[in-house]
Amino acid sequence: MLCKVLLSSLSFALLVVTYSAAQNTGDLLDPKSFSKIAEKKERSRALFTEAARVITHPRCMNCHPADDHPRQGNDRHLHMPPVTRGSAGIGVPGNTCQTCHTEENYTLWERASYQSIPGHPRWALAPIEMAWQGKSLTEICQQIKDPKRNGNKTLEMLHEHMADDELVGWGWKPGAGRDPAPGDQKAFGELIHAWIETGAECP
């Protein structure tokens, strides 16, 4: 019995050390790193917590506000110049997202106050029912799984969105002057897949 306790403690300690190292390098742990967590539900929660390092990163959170105004920067300050969501999440007539945001990132001149303007063909705010701002990991997790609040997606569709959608992928290619989300989209997709396969439990 004592050996089991010691082995369990050692496994947990190794996971903590590995997790800390991944955080320091900006990498994501792969699903195999969580294989030592024997209890399936606990492993599922740990997998989501790791994936949430992407979900709660400013590159994602800034476009999932709980109000009608996008955020900018790592400090998530209000978008400047001032803009508002509009009925379709792309601004209002005369001041739409596409007024400044083109189909790809645009690097500015050296003396500009910021280095680039982000861009993508579908640049827009996430629908208000998908707002993550101000919510706990548990609340975000529950929301992501709820078809009424995730764009009517099944878990399979959710994985496809997270792993393959190019707009999600922008988070790792955000243009000059912005920190990318941890890891890469492939690693993120693998974590989401493993989370779903272990029951999609919430922390």
N, C-alpha and C. Protein backbone atom coordinates (compact mmCIF):
# COMPACT_ATOMS: atom_id res chain seq x y z
N MET A 1 0.84 -1.21 0.00
CA MET A 1 0.00 0.00 0.00
C MET A 1 0.87 1.26 0.00
N LEU A 2 1.93 1.23 0.82
CA LEU A 2 2.83 2.38 0.90
C LEU A 2 3.50 2.62 -0.44
N CYS A 3 3.87 1.52 -1.14
CA CYS A 3 4.52 1.66 -2.45
C CYS A 3 3.59 2.34 -3.44
N LYS A 4 2.30 1.97 -3.40
CA LYS A 4 1.33 2.58 -4.31
C LYS A 4 1.20 4.07 -4.05
N VAL A 5 1.16 4.42 -2.79
CA VAL A 5 1.06 5.84 -2.42
C VAL A 5 2.27 6.61 -2.90
N LEU A 6 3.47 6.02 -2.70
CA LEU A 6 4.70 6.68 -3.11
C LEU A 6 4.76 6.84 -4.62
N LEU A 7 4.37 5.79 -5.34
CA LEU A 7 4.37 5.84 -6.80
C LEU A 7 3.39 6.88 -7.32
N SER A 8 2.22 6.92 -6.68
CA SER A 8 1.21 7.90 -7.07
C SER A 8 1.71 9.32 -6.84
N SER A 9 2.35 9.52 -5.69
CA SER A 9 2.89 10.85 -5.36
C SER A 9 4.00 11.24 -6.34
N LEU A 10 4.84 10.27 -6.69
CA LEU A 10 5.93 10.53 -7.62
C LEU A 10 5.38 10.88 -9.00
N SER A 11 4.37 10.15 -9.45
CA SER A 11 3.76 10.43 -10.76
C SER A 11 3.18 11.83 -10.80
N PHE A 12 2.51 12.20 -9.72
CA PHE A 12 1.93 13.55 -9.64
C PHE A 12 3.03 14.60 -9.66
N ALA A 13 4.09 14.35 -8.91
CA ALA A 13 5.19 15.32 -8.86
C ALA A 13 5.84 15.49 -10.23
N LEU A 14 6.03 14.39 -10.94
CA LEU A 14 6.60 14.46 -12.28
C LEU A 14 5.70 15.24 -13.22
N LEU A 15 4.38 15.04 -13.10
CA LEU A 15 3.43 15.77 -13.93
C LEU A 15 3.50 17.26 -13.64
N VAL A 16 3.61 17.61 -12.37
CA VAL A 16 3.69 19.03 -11.99
C VAL A 16 4.96 19.66 -12.57
N VAL A 17 6.08 18.96 -12.47
CA VAL A 17 7.34 19.48 -12.99
C VAL A 17 7.25 19.65 -14.50
N THR A 18 6.69 18.64 -15.18
CA THR A 18 6.55 18.71 -16.64
C THR A 18 5.63 19.84 -17.04
N TYR A 19 4.52 20.00 -16.30
CA TYR A 19 3.56 21.06 -16.57
C TYR A 19 4.22 22.43 -16.41
N SER A 20 5.00 22.60 -15.34
CA SER A 20 5.67 23.87 -15.10
C SER A 20 6.66 24.17 -16.21
N ALA A 21 7.38 23.14 -16.66
CA ALA A 21 8.35 23.33 -17.74
C ALA A 21 7.64 23.75 -19.03
N ALA A 22 6.50 23.12 -19.31
CA ALA A 22 5.74 23.45 -20.51
C ALA A 22 5.25 24.89 -20.47
N GLN A 23 4.79 25.32 -19.30
CA GLN A 23 4.34 26.70 -19.16
C GLN A 23 5.48 27.68 -19.41
N ASN A 24 6.65 27.35 -18.91
CA ASN A 24 7.78 28.26 -19.05
C ASN A 24 8.27 28.36 -20.48
N THR A 25 8.10 27.31 -21.28
CA THR A 25 8.58 27.32 -22.66
C THR A 25 7.49 27.74 -23.63
N GLY A 26 6.25 27.84 -23.19
CA GLY A 26 5.16 28.18 -24.09
C GLY A 26 4.62 26.98 -24.84
N ASP A 27 5.10 25.78 -24.50
CA ASP A 27 4.61 24.56 -25.15
C ASP A 27 3.36 24.05 -24.45
N LEU A 28 2.68 23.12 -25.13
CA LEU A 28 1.56 22.41 -24.52
C LEU A 28 1.99 20.98 -24.23
N LEU A 29 1.55 20.43 -23.12
CA LEU A 29 1.79 19.02 -22.85
C LEU A 29 0.97 18.18 -23.81
N ASP A 30 1.53 17.07 -24.26
CA ASP A 30 0.74 16.18 -25.12
C ASP A 30 -0.09 15.25 -24.25
N PRO A 31 -1.14 14.65 -24.81
CA PRO A 31 -2.04 13.80 -24.02
C PRO A 31 -1.33 12.67 -23.28
N LYS A 32 -0.23 12.16 -23.83
CA LYS A 32 0.48 11.06 -23.17
C LYS A 32 1.04 11.48 -21.82
N SER A 33 1.27 12.77 -21.65
CA SER A 33 1.80 13.27 -20.38
C SER A 33 0.84 13.04 -19.22
N PHE A 34 -0.43 12.80 -19.55
CA PHE A 34 -1.45 12.65 -18.52
C PHE A 34 -1.83 11.18 -18.29
N SER A 35 -1.13 10.27 -18.97
CA SER A 35 -1.48 8.85 -18.88
C SER A 35 -1.29 8.27 -17.49
N LYS A 36 -0.44 8.92 -16.67
CA LYS A 36 -0.21 8.41 -15.31
C LYS A 36 -1.37 8.73 -14.37
N ILE A 37 -2.30 9.56 -14.80
CA ILE A 37 -3.50 9.83 -13.99
C ILE A 37 -4.48 8.70 -14.25
N ALA A 38 -4.54 7.76 -13.33
CA ALA A 38 -5.29 6.52 -13.56
C ALA A 38 -6.79 6.75 -13.66
N GLU A 39 -7.32 7.64 -12.83
CA GLU A 39 -8.76 7.86 -12.80
C GLU A 39 -9.17 8.67 -14.04
N LYS A 40 -10.05 8.08 -14.84
CA LYS A 40 -10.39 8.64 -16.16
C LYS A 40 -10.97 10.05 -16.07
N LYS A 41 -11.86 10.28 -15.12
CA LYS A 41 -12.49 11.60 -15.01
C LYS A 41 -11.46 12.66 -14.62
N GLU A 42 -10.56 12.29 -13.71
CA GLU A 42 -9.53 13.23 -13.31
C GLU A 42 -8.58 13.53 -14.47
N ARG A 43 -8.28 12.50 -15.25
CA ARG A 43 -7.42 12.70 -16.41
C ARG A 43 -8.09 13.63 -17.43
N SER A 44 -9.39 13.45 -17.61
CA SER A 44 -10.15 14.30 -18.53
C SER A 44 -10.12 15.75 -18.08
N ARG A 45 -10.30 15.97 -16.79
CA ARG A 45 -10.27 17.34 -16.25
C ARG A 45 -8.89 17.96 -16.43
N ALA A 46 -7.86 17.16 -16.21
CA ALA A 46 -6.49 17.67 -16.37
C ALA A 46 -6.20 18.02 -17.82
N LEU A 47 -6.71 17.23 -18.74
CA LEU A 47 -6.53 17.49 -20.17
C LEU A 47 -7.21 18.80 -20.56
N PHE A 48 -8.41 19.04 -20.05
CA PHE A 48 -9.09 20.29 -20.38
C PHE A 48 -8.34 21.48 -19.78
N THR A 49 -7.85 21.32 -18.57
CA THR A 49 -7.12 22.40 -17.92
C THR A 49 -5.90 22.79 -18.75
N GLU A 50 -5.22 21.80 -19.32
CA GLU A 50 -4.08 22.11 -20.18
C GLU A 50 -4.54 22.81 -21.47
N ALA A 51 -5.60 22.29 -22.09
CA ALA A 51 -6.12 22.91 -23.31
C ALA A 51 -6.60 24.33 -23.03
N ALA A 52 -7.06 24.56 -21.81
CA ALA A 52 -7.58 25.89 -21.44
C ALA A 52 -6.49 26.95 -21.41
N ARG A 53 -5.22 26.54 -21.41
CA ARG A 53 -4.14 27.52 -21.54
C ARG A 53 -4.25 28.26 -22.87
N VAL A 54 -4.79 27.60 -23.87
CA VAL A 54 -5.07 28.24 -25.16
C VAL A 54 -6.37 29.02 -25.09
N ILE A 55 -7.41 28.38 -24.61
CA ILE A 55 -8.74 28.99 -24.59
C ILE A 55 -8.75 30.30 -23.81
N THR A 56 -7.99 30.37 -22.71
CA THR A 56 -7.98 31.56 -21.87
C THR A 56 -6.86 32.53 -22.23
N HIS A 57 -6.12 32.23 -23.27
CA HIS A 57 -5.05 33.13 -23.71
C HIS A 57 -5.68 34.36 -24.38
N PRO A 58 -5.04 35.52 -24.27
CA PRO A 58 -5.59 36.73 -24.89
C PRO A 58 -5.92 36.60 -26.38
N ARG A 59 -5.16 35.76 -27.12
CA ARG A 59 -5.45 35.62 -28.54
C ARG A 59 -6.83 35.03 -28.79
N CYS A 60 -7.34 34.28 -27.82
CA CYS A 60 -8.70 33.74 -27.92
C CYS A 60 -9.70 34.61 -27.16
N MET A 61 -9.35 34.94 -25.94
CA MET A 61 -10.29 35.66 -25.07
C MET A 61 -10.68 37.02 -25.62
N ASN A 62 -9.77 37.69 -26.31
CA ASN A 62 -10.05 39.03 -26.79
C ASN A 62 -11.23 39.10 -27.76
N CYS A 63 -11.50 37.99 -28.43
CA CYS A 63 -12.62 37.94 -29.37
C CYS A 63 -13.83 37.19 -28.81
N HIS A 64 -13.79 36.86 -27.52
CA HIS A 64 -14.91 36.21 -26.84
C HIS A 64 -15.37 37.05 -25.65
N PRO A 65 -15.62 38.36 -25.86
CA PRO A 65 -16.00 39.23 -24.73
C PRO A 65 -17.43 38.98 -24.28
N ALA A 66 -17.70 39.36 -23.05
CA ALA A 66 -19.05 39.20 -22.49
C ALA A 66 -19.92 40.42 -22.77
N ASP A 67 -19.34 41.43 -23.42
CA ASP A 67 -20.11 42.61 -23.78
C ASP A 67 -20.00 42.81 -25.30
N ASP A 68 -20.24 44.00 -25.78
CA ASP A 68 -20.25 44.25 -27.21
C ASP A 68 -18.96 44.85 -27.75
N HIS A 69 -17.88 44.73 -26.97
CA HIS A 69 -16.64 45.38 -27.37
C HIS A 69 -15.46 44.41 -27.33
N PRO A 70 -14.76 44.22 -28.45
CA PRO A 70 -13.57 43.36 -28.44
C PRO A 70 -12.47 43.94 -27.58
N ARG A 71 -11.52 43.08 -27.21
CA ARG A 71 -10.37 43.50 -26.44
C ARG A 71 -9.11 43.40 -27.29
N GLN A 72 -8.05 44.02 -26.79
CA GLN A 72 -6.77 44.01 -27.48
C GLN A 72 -5.63 43.79 -26.49
N GLY A 73 -4.53 43.25 -27.00
CA GLY A 73 -3.31 43.14 -26.20
C GLY A 73 -3.36 42.06 -25.14
N ASN A 74 -2.20 41.79 -24.56
CA ASN A 74 -2.13 40.79 -23.49
C ASN A 74 -2.85 41.25 -22.23
N ASP A 75 -3.03 42.57 -22.09
CA ASP A 75 -3.75 43.07 -20.91
C ASP A 75 -5.25 43.17 -21.16
N ARG A 76 -5.67 42.79 -22.37
CA ARG A 76 -7.10 42.72 -22.74
C ARG A 76 -7.82 44.05 -22.56
N HIS A 77 -7.16 45.12 -22.96
CA HIS A 77 -7.80 46.43 -22.88
C HIS A 77 -8.84 46.59 -23.99
N LEU A 78 -9.74 47.54 -23.84
CA LEU A 78 -10.77 47.78 -24.83
C LEU A 78 -10.15 48.13 -26.19
N HIS A 79 -10.78 47.65 -27.23
CA HIS A 79 -10.33 47.89 -28.60
C HIS A 79 -10.27 49.38 -28.89
N MET A 80 -9.14 49.78 -29.47
CA MET A 80 -8.99 51.16 -29.94
C MET A 80 -8.60 51.13 -31.41
N PRO A 81 -9.31 51.84 -32.29
CA PRO A 81 -10.38 52.79 -31.98
C PRO A 81 -11.63 52.06 -31.48
N PRO A 82 -12.53 52.79 -30.80
CA PRO A 82 -13.75 52.17 -30.26
C PRO A 82 -14.61 51.53 -31.35
N VAL A 83 -15.04 50.32 -31.10
CA VAL A 83 -15.94 49.61 -32.02
C VAL A 83 -16.98 48.88 -31.19
N THR A 84 -18.05 48.49 -31.84
CA THR A 84 -19.10 47.74 -31.16
C THR A 84 -19.47 46.52 -31.98
N ARG A 85 -20.04 45.53 -31.33
CA ARG A 85 -20.29 44.22 -31.92
C ARG A 85 -21.17 44.28 -33.16
N GLY A 86 -22.32 44.95 -33.07
CA GLY A 86 -23.29 44.90 -34.15
C GLY A 86 -24.06 43.60 -34.13
N SER A 87 -25.07 43.50 -34.96
CA SER A 87 -25.97 42.34 -34.92
C SER A 87 -25.31 41.05 -35.40
N ALA A 88 -24.29 41.15 -36.25
CA ALA A 88 -23.65 39.95 -36.80
C ALA A 88 -22.24 39.74 -36.26
N GLY A 89 -21.82 40.55 -35.28
CA GLY A 89 -20.49 40.38 -34.71
C GLY A 89 -19.37 40.98 -35.55
N ILE A 90 -19.71 41.76 -36.57
CA ILE A 90 -18.69 42.33 -37.45
C ILE A 90 -18.73 43.86 -37.45
N GLY A 91 -19.27 44.44 -36.38
CA GLY A 91 -19.36 45.88 -36.29
C GLY A 91 -20.69 46.42 -36.80
N VAL A 92 -20.73 47.71 -37.00
CA VAL A 92 -21.96 48.37 -37.46
C VAL A 92 -21.68 49.08 -38.78
N PRO A 93 -22.72 49.39 -39.57
CA PRO A 93 -22.50 50.08 -40.85
C PRO A 93 -21.64 51.33 -40.68
N GLY A 94 -20.64 51.44 -41.53
CA GLY A 94 -19.72 52.56 -41.45
C GLY A 94 -18.53 52.32 -40.53
N ASN A 95 -18.59 51.25 -39.72
CA ASN A 95 -17.50 50.93 -38.81
C ASN A 95 -17.47 49.42 -38.57
N THR A 96 -17.28 48.68 -39.65
CA THR A 96 -17.23 47.22 -39.55
C THR A 96 -15.79 46.76 -39.29
N CYS A 97 -15.64 45.51 -38.87
CA CYS A 97 -14.31 44.96 -38.64
C CYS A 97 -13.45 45.06 -39.90
N GLN A 98 -14.09 44.84 -41.06
CA GLN A 98 -13.34 44.81 -42.31
C GLN A 98 -12.84 46.18 -42.75
N THR A 99 -13.28 47.23 -42.06
CA THR A 99 -12.73 48.56 -42.36
C THR A 99 -11.22 48.57 -42.14
N CYS A 100 -10.76 47.88 -41.12
CA CYS A 100 -9.33 47.82 -40.80
C CYS A 100 -8.73 46.43 -40.97
N HIS A 101 -9.52 45.41 -40.65
CA HIS A 101 -9.01 44.04 -40.68
C HIS A 101 -9.24 43.41 -42.05
N THR A 102 -8.14 43.19 -42.77
CA THR A 102 -8.23 42.61 -44.11
C THR A 102 -8.14 41.08 -44.02
N GLU A 103 -7.88 40.44 -45.13
CA GLU A 103 -7.90 38.98 -45.17
C GLU A 103 -6.66 38.33 -44.55
N GLU A 104 -5.66 39.14 -44.22
CA GLU A 104 -4.46 38.59 -43.58
C GLU A 104 -3.81 39.66 -42.72
N ASN A 105 -2.90 39.24 -41.87
CA ASN A 105 -2.20 40.20 -41.02
C ASN A 105 -1.47 41.24 -41.88
N TYR A 106 -1.47 42.47 -41.40
CA TYR A 106 -0.84 43.55 -42.15
C TYR A 106 0.20 44.23 -41.27
N THR A 107 1.46 44.15 -41.65
CA THR A 107 2.54 44.75 -40.87
C THR A 107 2.64 46.24 -41.18
N LEU A 108 2.77 47.06 -40.14
CA LEU A 108 2.80 48.51 -40.29
C LEU A 108 4.23 49.04 -40.36
N TRP A 109 4.34 50.33 -40.61
CA TRP A 109 5.64 50.97 -40.65
C TRP A 109 6.28 50.97 -39.27
N GLU A 110 7.58 51.08 -39.24
CA GLU A 110 8.33 50.98 -37.99
C GLU A 110 7.88 51.98 -36.94
N ARG A 111 7.50 53.19 -37.33
CA ARG A 111 7.18 54.23 -36.38
C ARG A 111 5.72 54.21 -35.91
N ALA A 112 4.96 53.24 -36.36
CA ALA A 112 3.56 53.13 -35.93
C ALA A 112 3.52 52.78 -34.44
N SER A 113 2.41 53.09 -33.79
CA SER A 113 2.29 52.84 -32.36
C SER A 113 2.13 51.36 -32.04
N TYR A 114 1.77 50.55 -33.03
CA TYR A 114 1.75 49.10 -32.87
C TYR A 114 2.26 48.48 -34.17
N GLN A 115 2.63 47.21 -34.11
CA GLN A 115 3.42 46.63 -35.19
C GLN A 115 2.61 46.07 -36.35
N SER A 116 1.38 45.64 -36.08
CA SER A 116 0.59 45.04 -37.17
C SER A 116 -0.90 45.08 -36.84
N ILE A 117 -1.70 44.93 -37.89
CA ILE A 117 -3.15 44.80 -37.75
C ILE A 117 -3.51 43.36 -38.08
N PRO A 118 -4.17 42.65 -37.18
CA PRO A 118 -4.50 41.26 -37.47
C PRO A 118 -5.55 41.15 -38.57
N GLY A 119 -5.53 40.03 -39.29
CA GLY A 119 -6.51 39.87 -40.35
C GLY A 119 -6.83 38.42 -40.66
N HIS A 120 -8.03 38.22 -41.16
CA HIS A 120 -8.52 36.92 -41.60
C HIS A 120 -9.82 37.16 -42.35
N PRO A 121 -10.13 36.36 -43.38
CA PRO A 121 -11.37 36.58 -44.15
C PRO A 121 -12.64 36.58 -43.30
N ARG A 122 -12.63 35.87 -42.17
CA ARG A 122 -13.85 35.79 -41.33
C ARG A 122 -13.66 36.53 -40.02
N TRP A 123 -12.84 37.58 -40.01
CA TRP A 123 -12.57 38.30 -38.77
C TRP A 123 -13.87 38.86 -38.17
N ALA A 124 -14.15 38.49 -36.94
CA ALA A 124 -15.39 38.91 -36.28
C ALA A 124 -15.33 38.50 -34.81
N LEU A 125 -16.24 39.06 -34.03
CA LEU A 125 -16.39 38.61 -32.65
C LEU A 125 -17.14 37.28 -32.62
N ALA A 126 -16.82 36.46 -31.64
CA ALA A 126 -17.62 35.26 -31.41
C ALA A 126 -19.03 35.68 -30.98
N PRO A 127 -20.04 34.91 -31.32
CA PRO A 127 -21.40 35.23 -30.87
C PRO A 127 -21.46 35.41 -29.35
N ILE A 128 -22.34 36.26 -28.89
CA ILE A 128 -22.40 36.60 -27.46
C ILE A 128 -22.64 35.37 -26.59
N GLU A 129 -23.37 34.36 -27.11
CA GLU A 129 -23.61 33.15 -26.32
C GLU A 129 -22.32 32.34 -26.13
N MET A 130 -21.29 32.68 -26.89
CA MET A 130 -20.00 32.01 -26.74
C MET A 130 -19.00 32.86 -25.96
N ALA A 131 -19.48 33.85 -25.23
CA ALA A 131 -18.61 34.72 -24.45
C ALA A 131 -17.90 33.94 -23.34
N TRP A 132 -16.59 34.16 -23.20
CA TRP A 132 -15.80 33.50 -22.16
C TRP A 132 -15.30 34.47 -21.11
N GLN A 133 -15.30 35.74 -21.43
CA GLN A 133 -14.75 36.76 -20.54
C GLN A 133 -15.41 36.71 -19.17
N GLY A 134 -14.59 36.71 -18.12
CA GLY A 134 -15.10 36.75 -16.76
C GLY A 134 -15.62 35.44 -16.22
N LYS A 135 -15.45 34.35 -16.97
CA LYS A 135 -15.97 33.05 -16.53
C LYS A 135 -14.85 32.15 -16.03
N SER A 136 -15.21 31.24 -15.13
CA SER A 136 -14.25 30.27 -14.62
C SER A 136 -14.02 29.18 -15.66
N LEU A 137 -12.97 28.36 -15.45
CA LEU A 137 -12.72 27.24 -16.36
C LEU A 137 -13.91 26.29 -16.41
N THR A 138 -14.52 26.06 -15.25
CA THR A 138 -15.69 25.18 -15.20
C THR A 138 -16.82 25.73 -16.06
N GLU A 139 -17.08 27.02 -15.94
CA GLU A 139 -18.16 27.64 -16.72
C GLU A 139 -17.86 27.62 -18.21
N ILE A 140 -16.61 27.89 -18.57
CA ILE A 140 -16.23 27.85 -19.99
C ILE A 140 -16.37 26.44 -20.53
N CYS A 141 -15.92 25.47 -19.78
CA CYS A 141 -16.01 24.07 -20.19
C CYS A 141 -17.46 23.65 -20.42
N GLN A 142 -18.31 23.97 -19.47
CA GLN A 142 -19.72 23.62 -19.60
C GLN A 142 -20.36 24.30 -20.81
N GLN A 143 -19.98 25.53 -21.04
CA GLN A 143 -20.50 26.29 -22.16
C GLN A 143 -20.06 25.68 -23.49
N ILE A 144 -18.77 25.33 -23.59
CA ILE A 144 -18.23 24.76 -24.81
C ILE A 144 -18.94 23.47 -25.21
N LYS A 145 -19.38 22.71 -24.22
CA LYS A 145 -20.05 21.43 -24.50
C LYS A 145 -21.53 21.59 -24.83
N ASP A 146 -22.11 22.74 -24.53
CA ASP A 146 -23.55 22.95 -24.65
C ASP A 146 -23.91 23.41 -26.06
N PRO A 147 -24.61 22.58 -26.85
CA PRO A 147 -24.96 22.97 -28.22
C PRO A 147 -25.73 24.29 -28.31
N LYS A 148 -26.45 24.63 -27.25
CA LYS A 148 -27.20 25.89 -27.26
C LYS A 148 -26.28 27.10 -27.13
N ARG A 149 -25.04 26.84 -26.70
CA ARG A 149 -24.10 27.95 -26.48
C ARG A 149 -22.77 27.76 -27.20
N ASN A 150 -22.71 26.81 -28.13
CA ASN A 150 -21.46 26.59 -28.86
C ASN A 150 -21.68 26.56 -30.38
N GLY A 151 -22.79 27.13 -30.82
CA GLY A 151 -23.07 27.14 -32.25
C GLY A 151 -23.68 25.84 -32.73
N ASN A 152 -24.36 25.13 -31.83
CA ASN A 152 -25.04 23.87 -32.15
C ASN A 152 -24.06 22.79 -32.61
N LYS A 153 -22.91 22.73 -31.95
CA LYS A 153 -21.88 21.76 -32.32
C LYS A 153 -21.93 20.53 -31.43
N THR A 154 -21.75 19.37 -32.04
CA THR A 154 -21.50 18.15 -31.28
C THR A 154 -20.05 18.19 -30.81
N LEU A 155 -19.70 17.25 -29.94
CA LEU A 155 -18.30 17.20 -29.49
C LEU A 155 -17.35 16.92 -30.66
N GLU A 156 -17.80 16.10 -31.59
CA GLU A 156 -16.98 15.81 -32.77
C GLU A 156 -16.77 17.08 -33.60
N MET A 157 -17.83 17.84 -33.78
CA MET A 157 -17.73 19.10 -34.53
C MET A 157 -16.88 20.11 -33.77
N LEU A 158 -16.99 20.08 -32.45
CA LEU A 158 -16.19 20.99 -31.63
C LEU A 158 -14.70 20.70 -31.81
N HIS A 159 -14.35 19.41 -31.82
CA HIS A 159 -12.95 19.04 -32.04
C HIS A 159 -12.48 19.51 -33.41
N GLU A 160 -13.29 19.31 -34.43
CA GLU A 160 -12.92 19.75 -35.78
C GLU A 160 -12.69 21.26 -35.82
N HIS A 161 -13.56 22.00 -35.14
CA HIS A 161 -13.42 23.46 -35.08
C HIS A 161 -12.11 23.86 -34.41
N MET A 162 -11.83 23.26 -33.27
CA MET A 162 -10.63 23.62 -32.52
C MET A 162 -9.35 23.19 -33.25
N ALA A 163 -9.39 22.03 -33.88
CA ALA A 163 -8.19 21.45 -34.47
C ALA A 163 -7.90 21.94 -35.87
N ASP A 164 -8.93 22.35 -36.63
CA ASP A 164 -8.73 22.61 -38.05
C ASP A 164 -9.18 23.99 -38.53
N ASP A 165 -10.02 24.68 -37.79
CA ASP A 165 -10.53 25.97 -38.27
C ASP A 165 -9.38 26.98 -38.38
N GLU A 166 -9.26 27.61 -39.54
CA GLU A 166 -8.15 28.54 -39.77
C GLU A 166 -8.26 29.81 -38.93
N LEU A 167 -9.49 30.21 -38.58
CA LEU A 167 -9.63 31.39 -37.73
C LEU A 167 -9.12 31.09 -36.32
N VAL A 168 -9.40 29.89 -35.82
CA VAL A 168 -8.81 29.47 -34.55
C VAL A 168 -7.29 29.42 -34.69
N GLY A 169 -6.84 28.93 -35.83
CA GLY A 169 -5.40 28.82 -36.08
C GLY A 169 -4.67 30.14 -36.10
N TRP A 170 -5.41 31.24 -36.33
CA TRP A 170 -4.78 32.56 -36.30
C TRP A 170 -4.10 32.82 -34.96
N GLY A 171 -4.63 32.21 -33.89
CA GLY A 171 -4.08 32.43 -32.56
C GLY A 171 -2.61 32.06 -32.44
N TRP A 172 -2.12 31.23 -33.36
CA TRP A 172 -0.70 30.86 -33.34
C TRP A 172 0.10 31.62 -34.40
N LYS A 173 -0.58 32.43 -35.19
CA LYS A 173 0.08 33.25 -36.21
C LYS A 173 -0.53 34.65 -36.15
N PRO A 174 -0.39 35.34 -35.01
CA PRO A 174 -1.14 36.57 -34.79
C PRO A 174 -0.52 37.85 -35.36
N GLY A 175 0.62 37.73 -36.01
CA GLY A 175 1.25 38.91 -36.58
C GLY A 175 2.23 39.56 -35.63
N ALA A 176 3.03 40.45 -36.17
CA ALA A 176 4.09 41.11 -35.40
C ALA A 176 3.53 41.87 -34.21
N GLY A 177 4.22 41.74 -33.08
CA GLY A 177 3.84 42.48 -31.89
C GLY A 177 2.87 41.77 -30.97
N ARG A 178 2.50 40.54 -31.29
CA ARG A 178 1.56 39.79 -30.45
C ARG A 178 2.14 38.44 -30.08
N ASP A 179 1.95 38.03 -28.83
CA ASP A 179 2.36 36.71 -28.40
C ASP A 179 1.39 35.67 -28.95
N PRO A 180 1.88 34.59 -29.55
CA PRO A 180 0.98 33.53 -29.98
C PRO A 180 0.46 32.73 -28.79
N ALA A 181 -0.62 32.01 -29.02
CA ALA A 181 -1.14 31.10 -28.00
C ALA A 181 -0.12 29.99 -27.75
N PRO A 182 -0.17 29.32 -26.60
CA PRO A 182 0.79 28.25 -26.30
C PRO A 182 0.71 27.10 -27.31
N GLY A 183 1.86 26.48 -27.55
CA GLY A 183 1.90 25.31 -28.41
C GLY A 183 1.60 25.62 -29.85
N ASP A 184 0.83 24.74 -30.49
CA ASP A 184 0.35 24.98 -31.85
C ASP A 184 -1.03 24.34 -32.00
N GLN A 185 -1.66 24.56 -33.13
CA GLN A 185 -3.04 24.08 -33.28
C GLN A 185 -3.12 22.56 -33.27
N LYS A 186 -2.12 21.90 -33.81
CA LYS A 186 -2.11 20.43 -33.81
C LYS A 186 -2.11 19.90 -32.38
N ALA A 187 -1.23 20.44 -31.54
CA ALA A 187 -1.14 20.00 -30.15
C ALA A 187 -2.44 20.30 -29.40
N PHE A 188 -3.01 21.47 -29.68
CA PHE A 188 -4.28 21.85 -29.06
C PHE A 188 -5.38 20.88 -29.47
N GLY A 189 -5.45 20.57 -30.76
CA GLY A 189 -6.46 19.63 -31.24
C GLY A 189 -6.33 18.26 -30.61
N GLU A 190 -5.10 17.82 -30.41
CA GLU A 190 -4.87 16.51 -29.78
C GLU A 190 -5.35 16.50 -28.33
N LEU A 191 -5.14 17.60 -27.63
CA LEU A 191 -5.63 17.70 -26.25
C LEU A 191 -7.15 17.67 -26.20
N ILE A 192 -7.78 18.42 -27.10
CA ILE A 192 -9.24 18.45 -27.14
C ILE A 192 -9.80 17.07 -27.47
N HIS A 193 -9.15 16.37 -28.41
CA HIS A 193 -9.59 15.02 -28.77
C HIS A 193 -9.47 14.08 -27.58
N ALA A 194 -8.35 14.14 -26.88
CA ALA A 194 -8.14 13.26 -25.72
C ALA A 194 -9.13 13.61 -24.61
N TRP A 195 -9.41 14.88 -24.44
CA TRP A 195 -10.41 15.31 -23.44
C TRP A 195 -11.77 14.70 -23.76
N ILE A 196 -12.17 14.76 -25.01
CA ILE A 196 -13.46 14.20 -25.42
C ILE A 196 -13.47 12.69 -25.23
N GLU A 197 -12.37 12.03 -25.62
CA GLU A 197 -12.29 10.57 -25.52
C GLU A 197 -12.34 10.09 -24.07
N THR A 198 -11.96 10.93 -23.13
CA THR A 198 -11.98 10.54 -21.70
C THR A 198 -13.26 11.02 -21.01
N GLY A 199 -14.23 11.45 -21.79
CA GLY A 199 -15.53 11.79 -21.22
C GLY A 199 -15.88 13.26 -21.20
N ALA A 200 -14.97 14.12 -21.69
CA ALA A 200 -15.21 15.57 -21.73
C ALA A 200 -15.67 16.10 -20.36
N GLU A 201 -14.93 15.73 -19.33
CA GLU A 201 -15.25 16.17 -17.98
C GLU A 201 -14.77 17.61 -17.78
N CYS A 202 -15.46 18.33 -16.92
CA CYS A 202 -15.09 19.72 -16.62
C CYS A 202 -14.38 19.83 -15.28
N PRO A 203 -13.38 20.71 -15.20
CA PRO A 203 -12.65 20.87 -13.93
C PRO A 203 -13.50 21.56 -12.89
